PDB file of N, CA and C in Angstrom:
ATOM      1  N   MET A   1      -0.652   9.342  19.834  1.00  0.00           N
ATOM      2  CA  MET A   1      -1.767   9.816  19.019  1.00  0.00           C
ATOM      3  C   MET A   1      -1.906   9.546  17.157  1.00  0.00           C
ATOM      4  N   HIS A   2      -0.432   9.631  16.875  1.00  0.00           N
ATOM      5  CA  HIS A   2      -0.111   9.387  15.419  1.00  0.00           C
ATOM      6  C   HIS A   2      -0.446   8.125  15.059  1.00  0.00           C
ATOM      7  N   GLN A   3       0.261   7.030  16.042  1.00  0.00           N
ATOM      8  CA  GLN A   3       0.107   5.614  15.719  1.00  0.00           C
ATOM      9  C   GLN A   3      -0.935   5.028  15.800  1.00  0.00           C
ATOM     10  N   SER A   4      -1.934   5.650  16.747  1.00  0.00           N
ATOM     11  CA  SER A   4      -3.152   4.898  16.925  1.00  0.00           C
ATOM     12  C   SER A   4      -4.096   5.402  15.836  1.00  0.00           C
ATOM     13  N   ILE A   5      -3.959   6.731  15.367  1.00  0.00           N
ATOM     14  CA  ILE A   5      -4.995   7.094  14.128  1.00  0.00           C
ATOM     15  C   ILE A   5      -4.329   6.448  12.930  1.00  0.00           C
ATOM     16  N   LEU A   6      -3.034   6.139  12.864  1.00  0.00           N
ATOM     17  CA  LEU A   6      -2.541   5.503  11.579  1.00  0.00           C
ATOM     18  C   LEU A   6      -3.040   4.122  11.307  1.00  0.00           C
ATOM     19  N   ASP A   7      -2.961   3.374  12.975  1.00  0.00           N
ATOM     20  CA  ASP A   7      -3.587   1.796  12.749  1.00  0.00           C
ATOM     21  C   ASP A   7      -4.852   1.798  12.569  1.00  0.00           C
ATOM     22  N   GLU A   8      -5.895   2.583  13.125  1.00  0.00           N
ATOM     23  CA  GLU A   8      -7.000   2.774  12.744  1.00  0.00           C
ATOM     24  C   GLU A   8      -7.241   3.037  11.226  1.00  0.00           C
ATOM     25  N   SER A   9      -6.530   3.855  10.766  1.00  0.00           N
ATOM     26  CA  SER A   9      -6.756   4.279   9.187  1.00  0.00           C
ATOM     27  C   SER A   9      -6.445   2.986   8.043  1.00  0.00           C
ATOM     28  N   ILE A  10      -5.421   2.407   8.662  1.00  0.00           N
ATOM     29  CA  ILE A  10      -5.142   0.965   7.779  1.00  0.00           C
ATOM     30  C   ILE A  10      -6.189   0.139   7.917  1.00  0.00           C
ATOM     31  N   ASP A  11      -6.877  -0.048   9.079  1.00  0.00           N
ATOM     32  CA  ASP A  11      -8.120  -0.831   9.117  1.00  0.00           C
ATOM     33  C   ASP A  11      -9.194  -0.446   8.182  1.00  0.00           C
ATOM     34  N   GLU A  12      -9.349   0.803   8.021  1.00  0.00           N
ATOM     35  CA  GLU A  12     -10.166   1.549   7.387  1.00  0.00           C
ATOM     36  C   GLU A  12      -9.806   1.302   5.652  1.00  0.00           C
ATOM     37  N   VAL A  13      -8.650   1.539   5.360  1.00  0.00           N
ATOM     38  CA  VAL A  13      -8.177   1.444   3.944  1.00  0.00           C
ATOM     39  C   VAL A  13      -8.359   0.113   3.500  1.00  0.00           C
ATOM     40  N   TRP A  14      -8.253  -0.941   4.233  1.00  0.00           N
ATOM     41  CA  TRP A  14      -8.253  -2.216   3.574  1.00  0.00           C
ATOM     42  C   TRP A  14      -9.709  -2.345   3.023  1.00  0.00           C
ATOM     43  N   SER A  15     -10.877  -1.924   3.566  1.00  0.00           N
ATOM     44  CA  SER A  15     -12.053  -1.981   2.967  1.00  0.00           C
ATOM     45  C   SER A  15     -12.679  -1.171   2.157  1.00  0.00           C
ATOM     46  N   GLY A  16     -11.644   0.125   2.021  1.00  0.00           N
ATOM     47  CA  GLY A  16     -11.771   1.124   0.839  1.00  0.00           C
ATOM     48  C   GLY A  16     -12.794   2.192   1.620  1.00  0.00           C
ATOM     49  N   SER A  17     -12.862   2.235   2.944  1.00  0.00           N
ATOM     50  CA  SER A  17     -13.592   3.318   3.486  1.00  0.00           C
ATOM     51  C   SER A  17     -12.816   4.377   3.637  1.00  0.00           C
ATOM     52  N   SER A  18     -13.645   5.618   4.044  1.00  0.00           N
ATOM     53  CA  SER A  18     -12.933   6.854   4.190  1.00  0.00           C
ATOM     54  C   SER A  18     -11.610   6.951   5.259  1.00  0.00           C
ATOM     55  N   ILE A  19     -10.909   7.680   5.213  1.00  0.00           N
ATOM     56  CA  ILE A  19      -9.671   7.607   6.087  1.00  0.00           C
ATOM     57  C   ILE A  19      -9.975   8.409   7.424  1.00  0.00           C
ATOM     58  N   PRO A  20     -10.135   7.816   8.528  1.00  0.00           N
ATOM     59  CA  PRO A  20     -10.606   8.552   9.822  1.00  0.00           C
ATOM     60  C   PRO A  20      -9.692   9.806   9.968  1.00  0.00           C
ATOM     61  N   HIS A  21     -10.308  10.956  10.172  1.00  0.00           N
ATOM     62  CA  HIS A  21      -9.834  12.072  10.656  1.00  0.00           C
ATOM     63  C   HIS A  21      -9.236  12.960   9.454  1.00  0.00           C
ATOM     64  N   LEU A  22      -9.313  12.470   8.166  1.00  0.00           N
ATOM     65  CA  LEU A  22      -8.719  13.126   7.005  1.00  0.00           C
ATOM     66  C   LEU A  22     -10.004  13.079   5.973  1.00  0.00           C
ATOM     67  N   ASP A  23      -9.828  14.498   5.292  1.00  0.00           N
ATOM     68  CA  ASP A  23     -11.099  14.673   4.512  1.00  0.00           C
ATOM     69  C   ASP A  23     -10.658  14.188   3.111  1.00  0.00           C
ATOM     70  N   GLU A  24     -10.609  12.963   3.033  1.00  0.00           N
ATOM     71  CA  GLU A  24     -10.389  12.450   1.643  1.00  0.00           C
ATOM     72  C   GLU A  24     -11.004  11.084   1.622  1.00  0.00           C
ATOM     73  N   PRO A  25     -11.485  10.371   0.654  1.00  0.00           N
ATOM     74  CA  PRO A  25     -11.614   8.991   0.398  1.00  0.00           C
ATOM     75  C   PRO A  25     -10.340   8.132   0.661  1.00  0.00           C
ATOM     76  N   GLY A  26     -10.554   6.811   0.773  1.00  0.00           N
ATOM     77  CA  GLY A  26      -9.418   6.026   0.842  1.00  0.00           C
ATOM     78  C   GLY A  26      -9.460   4.949  -0.349  1.00  0.00           C
ATOM     79  N   ILE A  27     -10.321   5.317  -1.402  1.00  0.00           N
ATOM     80  CA  ILE A  27     -10.333   4.646  -2.623  1.00  0.00           C
ATOM     81  C   ILE A  27      -8.998   4.275  -3.136  1.00  0.00           C
ATOM     82  N   GLU A  28      -8.033   5.322  -3.231  1.00  0.00           N
ATOM     83  CA  GLU A  28      -6.656   4.792  -3.930  1.00  0.00           C
ATOM     84  C   GLU A  28      -5.810   4.076  -2.933  1.00  0.00           C
ATOM     85  N   PHE A  29      -6.305   3.679  -1.754  1.00  0.00           N
ATOM     86  CA  PHE A  29      -5.503   2.920  -0.821  1.00  0.00           C
ATOM     87  C   PHE A  29      -6.379   1.517  -0.821  1.00  0.00           C
ATOM     88  N   ASP A  30      -7.459   1.074  -1.323  1.00  0.00           N
ATOM     89  CA  ASP A  30      -8.297   0.124  -1.346  1.00  0.00           C
ATOM     90  C   ASP A  30      -7.424  -1.177  -1.669  1.00  0.00           C
ATOM     91  N   TYR A  31      -7.536  -2.385  -0.952  1.00  0.00           N
ATOM     92  CA  TYR A  31      -6.577  -3.522  -1.265  1.00  0.00           C
ATOM     93  C   TYR A  31      -7.214  -4.117  -2.295  1.00  0.00           C
ATOM     94  N   THR A  32      -8.544  -4.250  -2.330  1.00  0.00           N
ATOM     95  CA  THR A  32      -9.063  -5.262  -3.553  1.00  0.00           C
ATOM     96  C   THR A  32      -8.673  -4.327  -4.968  1.00  0.00           C
ATOM     97  N   GLU A  33      -8.816  -3.127  -4.962  1.00  0.00           N
ATOM     98  CA  GLU A  33      -8.588  -2.444  -5.945  1.00  0.00           C
ATOM     99  C   GLU A  33      -7.154  -2.724  -6.451  1.00  0.00           C
ATOM    100  N   PHE A  34      -6.153  -2.668  -5.752  1.00  0.00           N
ATOM    101  CA  PHE A  34      -4.795  -3.026  -5.636  1.00  0.00           C
ATOM    102  C   PHE A  34      -4.670  -4.334  -6.093  1.00  0.00           C
ATOM    103  N   LEU A  35      -5.341  -5.484  -5.620  1.00  0.00           N
ATOM    104  CA  LEU A  35      -5.121  -6.572  -6.296  1.00  0.00           C
ATOM    105  C   LEU A  35      -5.964  -6.631  -7.617  1.00  0.00           C
ATOM    106  N   GLY A  36      -7.092  -6.087  -7.845  1.00  0.00           N
ATOM    107  CA  GLY A  36      -7.582  -6.213  -9.082  1.00  0.00           C
ATOM    108  C   GLY A  36      -7.017  -5.691 -10.172  1.00  0.00           C
ATOM    109  N   ASN A  37      -5.999  -4.636  -9.987  1.00  0.00           N
ATOM    110  CA  ASN A  37      -5.300  -3.748 -10.744  1.00  0.00           C
ATOM    111  C   ASN A  37      -3.923  -3.893 -10.831  1.00  0.00           C
ATOM    112  N   LEU A  38      -3.363  -5.119 -10.227  1.00  0.00           N
ATOM    113  CA  LEU A  38      -2.181  -5.373 -10.106  1.00  0.00           C
ATOM    114  C   LEU A  38      -1.317  -5.255 -11.168  1.00  0.00           C
ATOM    115  N   THR A  39      -1.522  -5.789 -12.317  1.00  0.00           N
ATOM    116  CA  THR A  39      -0.823  -5.467 -13.615  1.00  0.00           C
ATOM    117  C   THR A  39      -0.682  -4.048 -13.853  1.00  0.00           C
ATOM    118  N   GLU A  40      -1.556  -3.226 -13.952  1.00  0.00           N
ATOM    119  CA  GLU A  40      -1.775  -1.897 -14.107  1.00  0.00           C
ATOM    120  C   GLU A  40      -0.672  -0.985 -13.192  1.00  0.00           C
ATOM    121  N   TYR A  41      -0.845  -1.362 -11.747  1.00  0.00           N
ATOM    122  CA  TYR A  41       0.121  -0.907 -10.659  1.00  0.00           C
ATOM    123  C   TYR A  41       1.603  -0.916 -11.211  1.00  0.00           C
ATOM    124  N   VAL A  42       1.958  -2.429 -11.487  1.00  0.00           N
ATOM    125  CA  VAL A  42       3.437  -2.628 -11.759  1.00  0.00           C
ATOM    126  C   VAL A  42       3.730  -1.875 -12.959  1.00  0.00           C
ATOM    127  N   GLU A  43       2.658  -1.804 -13.947  1.00  0.00           N
ATOM    128  CA  GLU A  43       3.235  -0.969 -15.372  1.00  0.00           C
ATOM    129  C   GLU A  43       3.392   0.469 -14.786  1.00  0.00           C
ATOM    130  N   GLN A  44       2.675   1.033 -13.901  1.00  0.00           N
ATOM    131  CA  GLN A  44       2.674   2.388 -13.923  1.00  0.00           C
ATOM    132  C   GLN A  44       3.400   2.893 -12.475  1.00  0.00           C
ATOM    133  N   ALA A  45       3.867   1.918 -11.774  1.00  0.00           N
ATOM    134  CA  ALA A  45       4.677   2.228 -10.458  1.00  0.00           C
ATOM    135  C   ALA A  45       5.978   3.115 -10.680  1.00  0.00           C
ATOM    136  N   SER A  46       6.288   3.726  -9.873  1.00  0.00           N
ATOM    137  CA  SER A  46       7.789   4.377  -9.957  1.00  0.00           C
ATOM    138  C   SER A  46       8.439   3.270  -9.869  1.00  0.00           C
ATOM    139  N   LEU A  47       9.828   3.605 -10.127  1.00  0.00           N
ATOM    140  CA  LEU A  47      10.933   2.614  -9.937  1.00  0.00           C
ATOM    141  C   LEU A  47      11.299   2.414  -8.449  1.00  0.00           C
ATOM    142  N   SER A  48      11.078   2.919  -7.688  1.00  0.00           N
ATOM    143  CA  SER A  48      11.181   3.029  -6.239  1.00  0.00           C
ATOM    144  C   SER A  48      10.173   2.003  -5.824  1.00  0.00           C
ATOM    145  N   GLN A  49       8.996   2.414  -6.268  1.00  0.00           N
ATOM    146  CA  GLN A  49       7.685   1.464  -5.641  1.00  0.00           C
ATOM    147  C   GLN A  49       7.698   0.063  -6.197  1.00  0.00           C
ATOM    148  N   LEU A  50       8.329  -0.016  -7.603  1.00  0.00           N
ATOM    149  CA  LEU A  50       8.494  -1.420  -8.257  1.00  0.00           C
ATOM    150  C   LEU A  50       9.623  -2.207  -7.529  1.00  0.00           C
ATOM    151  N   LYS A  51      10.672  -1.551  -7.328  1.00  0.00           N
ATOM    152  CA  LYS A  51      11.582  -2.235  -6.371  1.00  0.00           C
ATOM    153  C   LYS A  51      11.348  -2.519  -4.951  1.00  0.00           C
ATOM    154  N   ARG A  52      10.457  -1.690  -4.576  1.00  0.00           N
ATOM    155  CA  ARG A  52      10.080  -2.431  -3.072  1.00  0.00           C
ATOM    156  C   ARG A  52       9.218  -3.834  -3.081  1.00  0.00           C
ATOM    157  N   LEU A  53       8.243  -3.662  -4.347  1.00  0.00           N
ATOM    158  CA  LEU A  53       7.272  -4.567  -4.422  1.00  0.00           C
ATOM    159  C   LEU A  53       8.099  -5.955  -4.659  1.00  0.00           C
ATOM    160  N   ALA A  54       9.107  -5.847  -5.694  1.00  0.00           N
ATOM    161  CA  ALA A  54       9.887  -6.941  -6.064  1.00  0.00           C
ATOM    162  C   ALA A  54      10.707  -7.354  -5.029  1.00  0.00           C
ATOM    163  N   ASN A  55      11.243  -6.605  -4.276  1.00  0.00           N
ATOM    164  CA  ASN A  55      12.077  -7.081  -2.995  1.00  0.00           C
ATOM    165  C   ASN A  55      11.206  -7.732  -2.090  1.00  0.00           C
ATOM    166  N   LYS A  56       9.919  -7.451  -1.730  1.00  0.00           N
ATOM    167  CA  LYS A  56       9.091  -7.937  -0.972  1.00  0.00           C
ATOM    168  C   LYS A  56       8.617  -9.641  -1.563  1.00  0.00           C
ATOM    169  N   LEU A  57       8.535  -9.687  -2.779  1.00  0.00           N
ATOM    170  CA  LEU A  57       8.179 -10.777  -3.488  1.00  0.00           C
ATOM    171  C   LEU A  57       9.297 -11.850  -3.746  1.00  0.00           C
ATOM    172  N   SER A  58      10.738 -11.073  -3.436  1.00  0.00           N
ATOM    173  CA  SER A  58      11.835 -12.086  -3.710  1.00  0.00           C
ATOM    174  C   SER A  58      11.993 -12.296  -5.146  1.00  0.00           C
ATOM    175  N   THR A  59      11.899 -11.006  -5.882  1.00  0.00           N
ATOM    176  CA  THR A  59      12.177 -11.137  -7.292  1.00  0.00           C
ATOM    177  C   THR A  59      12.798 -10.060  -7.604  1.00  0.00           C
ATOM    178  N   THR A  60      12.685  -9.743  -8.962  1.00  0.00           N
ATOM    179  CA  THR A  60      13.435  -8.299  -9.400  1.00  0.00           C
ATOM    180  C   THR A  60      12.213  -7.520 -10.138  1.00  0.00           C
ATOM    181  N   ALA A  61      12.604  -6.367 -10.167  1.00  0.00           N
ATOM    182  CA  ALA A  61      11.573  -5.238 -10.904  1.00  0.00           C
ATOM    183  C   ALA A  61      11.434  -5.868 -12.333  1.00  0.00           C
ATOM    184  N   GLY A  62      12.519  -6.092 -12.884  1.00  0.00           N
ATOM    185  CA  GLY A  62      12.790  -6.471 -14.487  1.00  0.00           C
ATOM    186  C   GLY A  62      11.829  -7.664 -14.605  1.00  0.00           C
ATOM    187  N   ARG A  63      11.800  -8.747 -13.790  1.00  0.00           N
ATOM    188  CA  ARG A  63      11.043  -9.977 -14.059  1.00  0.00           C
ATOM    189  C   ARG A  63       9.435  -9.456 -13.740  1.00  0.00           C
ATOM    190  N   LEU A  64       9.188  -8.525 -12.795  1.00  0.00           N
ATOM    191  CA  LEU A  64       7.767  -8.241 -12.608  1.00  0.00           C
ATOM    192  C   LEU A  64       7.503  -7.522 -14.052  1.00  0.00           C
ATOM    193  N   LYS A  65       8.182  -6.880 -14.705  1.00  0.00           N
ATOM    194  CA  LYS A  65       7.681  -5.916 -16.007  1.00  0.00           C
ATOM    195  C   LYS A  65       7.831  -7.122 -17.187  1.00  0.00           C
ATOM    196  N   LYS A  66       8.537  -8.244 -17.131  1.00  0.00           N
ATOM    197  CA  LYS A  66       8.400  -9.013 -18.361  1.00  0.00           C
ATOM    198  C   LYS A  66       7.177  -9.651 -17.869  1.00  0.00           C
ATOM    199  N   ALA A  67       6.788  -9.918 -16.682  1.00  0.00           N
ATOM    200  CA  ALA A  67       5.535 -11.129 -16.634  1.00  0.00           C
ATOM    201  C   ALA A  67       4.585 -10.014 -17.014  1.00  0.00           C
ATOM    202  N   CYS A  68       4.361  -8.713 -16.846  1.00  0.00           N
ATOM    203  CA  CYS A  68       3.266  -8.005 -17.266  1.00  0.00           C
ATOM    204  C   CYS A  68       3.346  -7.948 -18.922  1.00  0.00           C
ATOM    205  N   LYS A  69       4.568  -7.784 -19.624  1.00  0.00           N
ATOM    206  CA  LYS A  69       4.336  -7.882 -20.924  1.00  0.00           C
ATOM    207  C   LYS A  69       3.872  -9.270 -21.533  1.00  0.00           C
ATOM    208  N   ASN A  70       4.091 -10.300 -20.803  1.00  0.00           N
ATOM    209  CA  ASN A  70       3.658 -11.811 -21.233  1.00  0.00           C
ATOM    210  C   ASN A  70       2.550 -12.034 -20.828  1.00  0.00           C
ATOM    211  N   ASP A  71       1.763 -11.229 -20.159  1.00  0.00           N
ATOM    212  CA  ASP A  71       0.443 -11.222 -19.517  1.00  0.00           C
ATOM    213  C   ASP A  71       0.125 -12.462 -18.508  1.00  0.00           C
ATOM    214  N   ASN A  72       1.194 -12.600 -17.856  1.00  0.00           N
ATOM    215  CA  ASN A  72       1.105 -13.581 -16.626  1.00  0.00           C
ATOM    216  C   ASN A  72       1.594 -13.334 -15.449  1.00  0.00           C
ATOM    217  N   LEU A  73       1.485 -12.032 -15.030  1.00  0.00           N
ATOM    218  CA  LEU A  73       1.844 -11.566 -13.651  1.00  0.00           C
ATOM    219  C   LEU A  73       1.379 -12.442 -12.469  1.00  0.00           C
ATOM    220  N   ILE A  74      -0.093 -12.475 -12.616  1.00  0.00           N
ATOM    221  CA  ILE A  74      -0.440 -13.331 -11.466  1.00  0.00           C
ATOM    222  C   ILE A  74      -0.004 -14.881 -11.356  1.00  0.00           C
ATOM    223  N   ASP A  75       0.119 -15.504 -12.408  1.00  0.00           N
ATOM    224  CA  ASP A  75       0.877 -16.768 -12.422  1.00  0.00           C
ATOM    225  C   ASP A  75       2.226 -16.807 -12.120  1.00  0.00           C
ATOM    226  N   TYR A  76       3.177 -15.616 -12.468  1.00  0.00           N
ATOM    227  CA  TYR A  76       4.452 -15.561 -12.045  1.00  0.00           C
ATOM    228  C   TYR A  76       4.552 -15.266 -10.328  1.00  0.00           C
ATOM    229  N   ILE A  77       3.721 -14.433  -9.868  1.00  0.00           N
ATOM    230  CA  ILE A  77       3.397 -14.038  -8.568  1.00  0.00           C
ATOM    231  C   ILE A  77       3.256 -15.313  -7.857  1.00  0.00           C
ATOM    232  N   ASP A  78       2.193 -16.015  -8.215  1.00  0.00           N
ATOM    233  CA  ASP A  78       1.645 -17.179  -7.556  1.00  0.00           C
ATOM    234  C   ASP A  78       3.035 -18.282  -7.530  1.00  0.00           C
ATOM    235  N   SER A  79       3.730 -18.469  -8.472  1.00  0.00           N
ATOM    236  CA  SER A  79       4.927 -19.255  -8.463  1.00  0.00           C
ATOM    237  C   SER A  79       6.083 -18.935  -7.523  1.00  0.00           C
ATOM    238  N   LEU A  80       6.179 -17.689  -6.932  1.00  0.00           N
ATOM    239  CA  LEU A  80       6.995 -17.291  -6.074  1.00  0.00           C
ATOM    240  C   LEU A  80       6.674 -17.484  -4.473  1.00  0.00           C
ATOM    241  N   ASN A  81       7.723 -17.814  -3.814  1.00  0.00           N
ATOM    242  CA  ASN A  81       7.377 -17.869  -2.441  1.00  0.00           C
ATOM    243  C   ASN A  81       6.824 -18.853  -1.865  1.00  0.00           C
ATOM    244  N   TYR A  82       6.757 -19.953  -2.457  1.00  0.00           N
ATOM    245  CA  TYR A  82       5.936 -21.366  -2.070  1.00  0.00           C
ATOM    246  C   TYR A  82       4.659 -21.053  -1.648  1.00  0.00           C
ATOM    247  N   GLY A  83       3.908 -20.214  -2.400  1.00  0.00           N
ATOM    248  CA  GLY A  83       2.531 -20.172  -2.351  1.00  0.00           C
ATOM    249  C   GLY A  83       2.330 -19.079  -1.410  1.00  0.00           C
ATOM    250  N   TYR A  84       3.336 -18.205  -0.765  1.00  0.00           N
ATOM    251  CA  TYR A  84       2.865 -17.321   0.212  1.00  0.00           C
ATOM    252  C   TYR A  84       2.856 -15.844  -0.303  1.00  0.00           C
ATOM    253  N   SER A  85       2.945 -15.655  -1.569  1.00  0.00           N
ATOM    254  CA  SER A  85       2.857 -14.130  -2.134  1.00  0.00           C
ATOM    255  C   SER A  85       1.682 -13.644  -1.680  1.00  0.00           C
ATOM    256  N   ASP A  86       0.567 -14.109  -1.525  1.00  0.00           N
ATOM    257  CA  ASP A  86      -0.704 -13.459  -1.122  1.00  0.00           C
ATOM    258  C   ASP A  86      -0.534 -12.796   0.141  1.00  0.00           C
ATOM    259  N   HIS A  87       0.007 -13.317   1.167  1.00  0.00           N
ATOM    260  CA  HIS A  87       0.435 -12.668   2.223  1.00  0.00           C
ATOM    261  C   HIS A  87       1.360 -11.387   2.108  1.00  0.00           C
ATOM    262  N   LEU A  88       2.513 -11.757   1.329  1.00  0.00           N
ATOM    263  CA  LEU A  88       3.262 -10.577   1.073  1.00  0.00           C
ATOM    264  C   LEU A  88       2.760  -9.507   0.326  1.00  0.00           C
ATOM    265  N   LEU A  89       1.719  -9.735  -0.495  1.00  0.00           N
ATOM    266  CA  LEU A  89       1.250  -8.639  -1.327  1.00  0.00           C
ATOM    267  C   LEU A  89       0.385  -7.679  -0.200  1.00  0.00           C
ATOM    268  N   TYR A  90      -0.476  -8.305   0.588  1.00  0.00           N
ATOM    269  CA  TYR A  90      -1.062  -7.678   1.556  1.00  0.00           C
ATOM    270  C   TYR A  90      -0.131  -6.827   2.578  1.00  0.00           C
ATOM    271  N   GLU A  91       0.976  -7.475   2.816  1.00  0.00           N
ATOM    272  CA  GLU A  91       2.088  -6.740   3.753  1.00  0.00           C
ATOM    273  C   GLU A  91       2.707  -5.441   2.830  1.00  0.00           C
ATOM    274  N   PHE A  92       2.777  -5.655   1.638  1.00  0.00           N
ATOM    275  CA  PHE A  92       3.126  -4.297   0.811  1.00  0.00           C
ATOM    276  C   PHE A  92       2.229  -3.499   0.785  1.00  0.00           C
ATOM    277  N   HIS A  93       1.245  -3.686   0.398  1.00  0.00           N
ATOM    278  CA  HIS A  93      -0.029  -2.829   0.341  1.00  0.00           C
ATOM    279  C   HIS A  93      -0.066  -1.957   1.839  1.00  0.00           C
ATOM    280  N   GLU A  94      -0.009  -2.810   2.795  1.00  0.00           N
ATOM    281  CA  GLU A  94      -0.042  -2.157   4.083  1.00  0.00           C
ATOM    282  C   GLU A  94       1.013  -0.972   4.302  1.00  0.00           C
ATOM    283  N   GLU A  95       2.172  -1.641   3.888  1.00  0.00           N
ATOM    284  CA  GLU A  95       3.528  -0.931   3.981  1.00  0.00           C
ATOM    285  C   GLU A  95       3.475   0.677   3.233  1.00  0.00           C
ATOM    286  N   GLU A  96       2.815   0.404   1.989  1.00  0.00           N
ATOM    287  CA  GLU A  96       2.622   1.370   1.155  1.00  0.00           C
ATOM    288  C   GLU A  96       1.726   2.432   1.455  1.00  0.00           C
ATOM    289  N   CYS A  97       0.586   2.019   2.385  1.00  0.00           N
ATOM    290  CA  CYS A  97      -0.627   2.869   2.671  1.00  0.00           C
ATOM    291  C   CYS A  97       0.108   3.489   3.904  1.00  0.00           C
ATOM    292  N   ARG A  98       0.852   2.886   4.784  1.00  0.00           N
ATOM    293  CA  ARG A  98       1.582   3.461   5.934  1.00  0.00           C
ATOM    294  C   ARG A  98       2.344   4.637   5.473  1.00  0.00           C
ATOM    295  N   LYS A  99       2.914   4.212   4.404  1.00  0.00           N
ATOM    296  CA  LYS A  99       4.090   5.369   3.840  1.00  0.00           C
ATOM    297  C   LYS A  99       3.184   6.754   3.330  1.00  0.00           C
ATOM    298  N   LYS A 100       2.384   6.421   2.718  1.00  0.00           N
ATOM    299  CA  LYS A 100       1.514   7.360   2.138  1.00  0.00           C
ATOM    300  C   LYS A 100       0.705   8.254   3.319  1.00  0.00           C
ATOM    301  N   LEU A 101       0.029   7.493   4.161  1.00  0.00           N
ATOM    302  CA  LEU A 101      -0.845   8.026   5.314  1.00  0.00           C
ATOM    303  C   LEU A 101       0.030   8.871   6.198  1.00  0.00           C
ATOM    304  N   SER A 102       1.249   8.192   6.827  1.00  0.00           N
ATOM    305  CA  SER A 102       1.864   8.691   7.840  1.00  0.00           C
ATOM    306  C   SER A 102       2.168  10.287   7.874  1.00  0.00           C
ATOM    307  N   PRO A 103       2.614  11.095   6.987  1.00  0.00           N
ATOM    308  CA  PRO A 103       2.870  12.316   7.063  1.00  0.00           C
ATOM    309  C   PRO A 103       1.608  13.079   7.250  1.00  0.00           C
ATOM    310  N   ARG A 104       0.499  12.675   6.580  1.00  0.00           N
ATOM    311  CA  ARG A 104      -0.731  13.113   6.736  1.00  0.00           C
ATOM    312  C   ARG A 104      -1.461  13.299   7.974  1.00  0.00           C
ATOM    313  N   ILE A 105      -1.502  12.048   8.508  1.00  0.00           N
ATOM    314  CA  ILE A 105      -1.808  11.855   9.741  1.00  0.00           C
ATOM    315  C   ILE A 105      -0.993  12.441  10.866  1.00  0.00           C
ATOM    316  N   ARG A 106       0.509  12.589  10.778  1.00  0.00           N
ATOM    317  CA  ARG A 106       1.080  13.189  11.546  1.00  0.00           C
ATOM    318  C   ARG A 106       0.780  14.921  11.572  1.00  0.00           C
ATOM    319  N   GLN A 107       0.540  15.485  10.515  1.00  0.00           N
ATOM    320  CA  GLN A 107       0.140  16.834  10.384  1.00  0.00           C
ATOM    321  C   GLN A 107      -1.067  17.089  11.121  1.00  0.00           C
ATOM    322  N   TYR A 108      -2.012  16.074  10.982  1.00  0.00           N
ATOM    323  CA  TYR A 108      -3.457  16.066  11.610  1.00  0.00           C
ATOM    324  C   TYR A 108      -3.252  16.019  13.084  1.00  0.00           C
ATOM    325  N   SER A 109      -2.180  15.140  13.621  1.00  0.00           N
ATOM    326  CA  SER A 109      -2.137  14.985  14.970  1.00  0.00           C
ATOM    327  C   SER A 109      -1.702  16.297  15.613  1.00  0.00           C
ATOM    328  N   VAL A 110      -0.525  16.748  14.941  1.00  0.00           N
ATOM    329  CA  VAL A 110       0.162  17.788  15.328  1.00  0.00           C
ATOM    330  C   VAL A 110      -0.790  19.197  15.655  1.00  0.00           C
ATOM    331  N   TYR A 111      -1.643  19.421  14.582  1.00  0.00           N
ATOM    332  CA  TYR A 111      -2.641  20.314  14.629  1.00  0.00           C
ATOM    333  C   TYR A 111      -3.526  20.000  15.573  1.00  0.00           C
ATOM    334  N   GLN A 112      -4.062  19.019  15.940  1.00  0.00           N
ATOM    335  CA  GLN A 112      -4.972  18.759  17.084  1.00  0.00           C
ATOM    336  C   GLN A 112      -4.327  19.039  18.488  1.00  0.00           C
ATOM    337  N   LEU A 113      -2.869  18.495  18.390  1.00  0.00           N
ATOM    338  CA  LEU A 113      -2.372  18.767  19.906  1.00  0.00           C
ATOM    339  C   LEU A 113      -2.062  20.302  20.000  1.00  0.00           C
ATOM    340  N   ALA A 114      -1.650  20.995  19.196  1.00  0.00           N
ATOM    341  CA  ALA A 114      -1.436  22.136  19.138  1.00  0.00           C
ATOM    342  C   ALA A 114      -2.897  22.975  19.404  1.00  0.00           C
ATOM    343  N   SER A 115      -3.929  22.781  18.804  1.00  0.00           N
ATOM    344  CA  SER A 115      -5.270  23.306  19.283  1.00  0.00           C
ATOM    345  C   SER A 115      -5.686  23.242  20.481  1.00  0.00           C
ATOM    346  N   LEU A 116      -5.304  22.216  21.251  1.00  0.00           N
ATOM    347  CA  LEU A 116      -5.529  21.807  22.552  1.00  0.00           C
ATOM    348  C   LEU A 116      -4.477  22.356  23.601  1.00  0.00           C
ATOM    349  N   GLY A 117      -3.413  22.904  22.988  1.00  0.00           N
ATOM    350  CA  GLY A 117      -2.417  23.677  23.856  1.00  0.00           C
ATOM    351  C   GLY A 117      -1.655  22.681  24.581  1.00  0.00           C
ATOM    352  N   MET A 118      -1.249  21.380  24.003  1.00  0.00           N
ATOM    353  CA  MET A 118      -0.592  20.384  24.491  1.00  0.00           C
ATOM    354  C   MET A 118       0.690  20.428  23.890  1.00  0.00           C
ATOM    355  N   ILE A 119       0.865  20.933  22.807  1.00  0.00           N
ATOM    356  CA  ILE A 119       2.308  21.340  22.411  1.00  0.00           C
ATOM    357  C   ILE A 119       2.614  22.608  21.833  1.00  0.00           C
TER     358      ILE A 119
END
């Protein structure tokens, strides 16, 4: 149940729709917002988030921060991974969404199963 709802939620999140079964909008997880505000994301990300992004893109957190300061983050990212960074950004976004949504969806699933007397 948890995995099914999580997969459904990721599909909805990509378009910025509301997250199924949760009483919250999906705006903070919207992929186009993430891409449009990538510089802001890098500047405000926690160190662990920044390291995960850097690792996904095969670079370092310091180089991402430096590219932001030099106002060339998009050009820098485009120069990485033989032009496949767009796909890696998508994968990163999906992984971060799963990481954020999974505990809330698990809680919802357990509540639903308990209310049905299944657990």
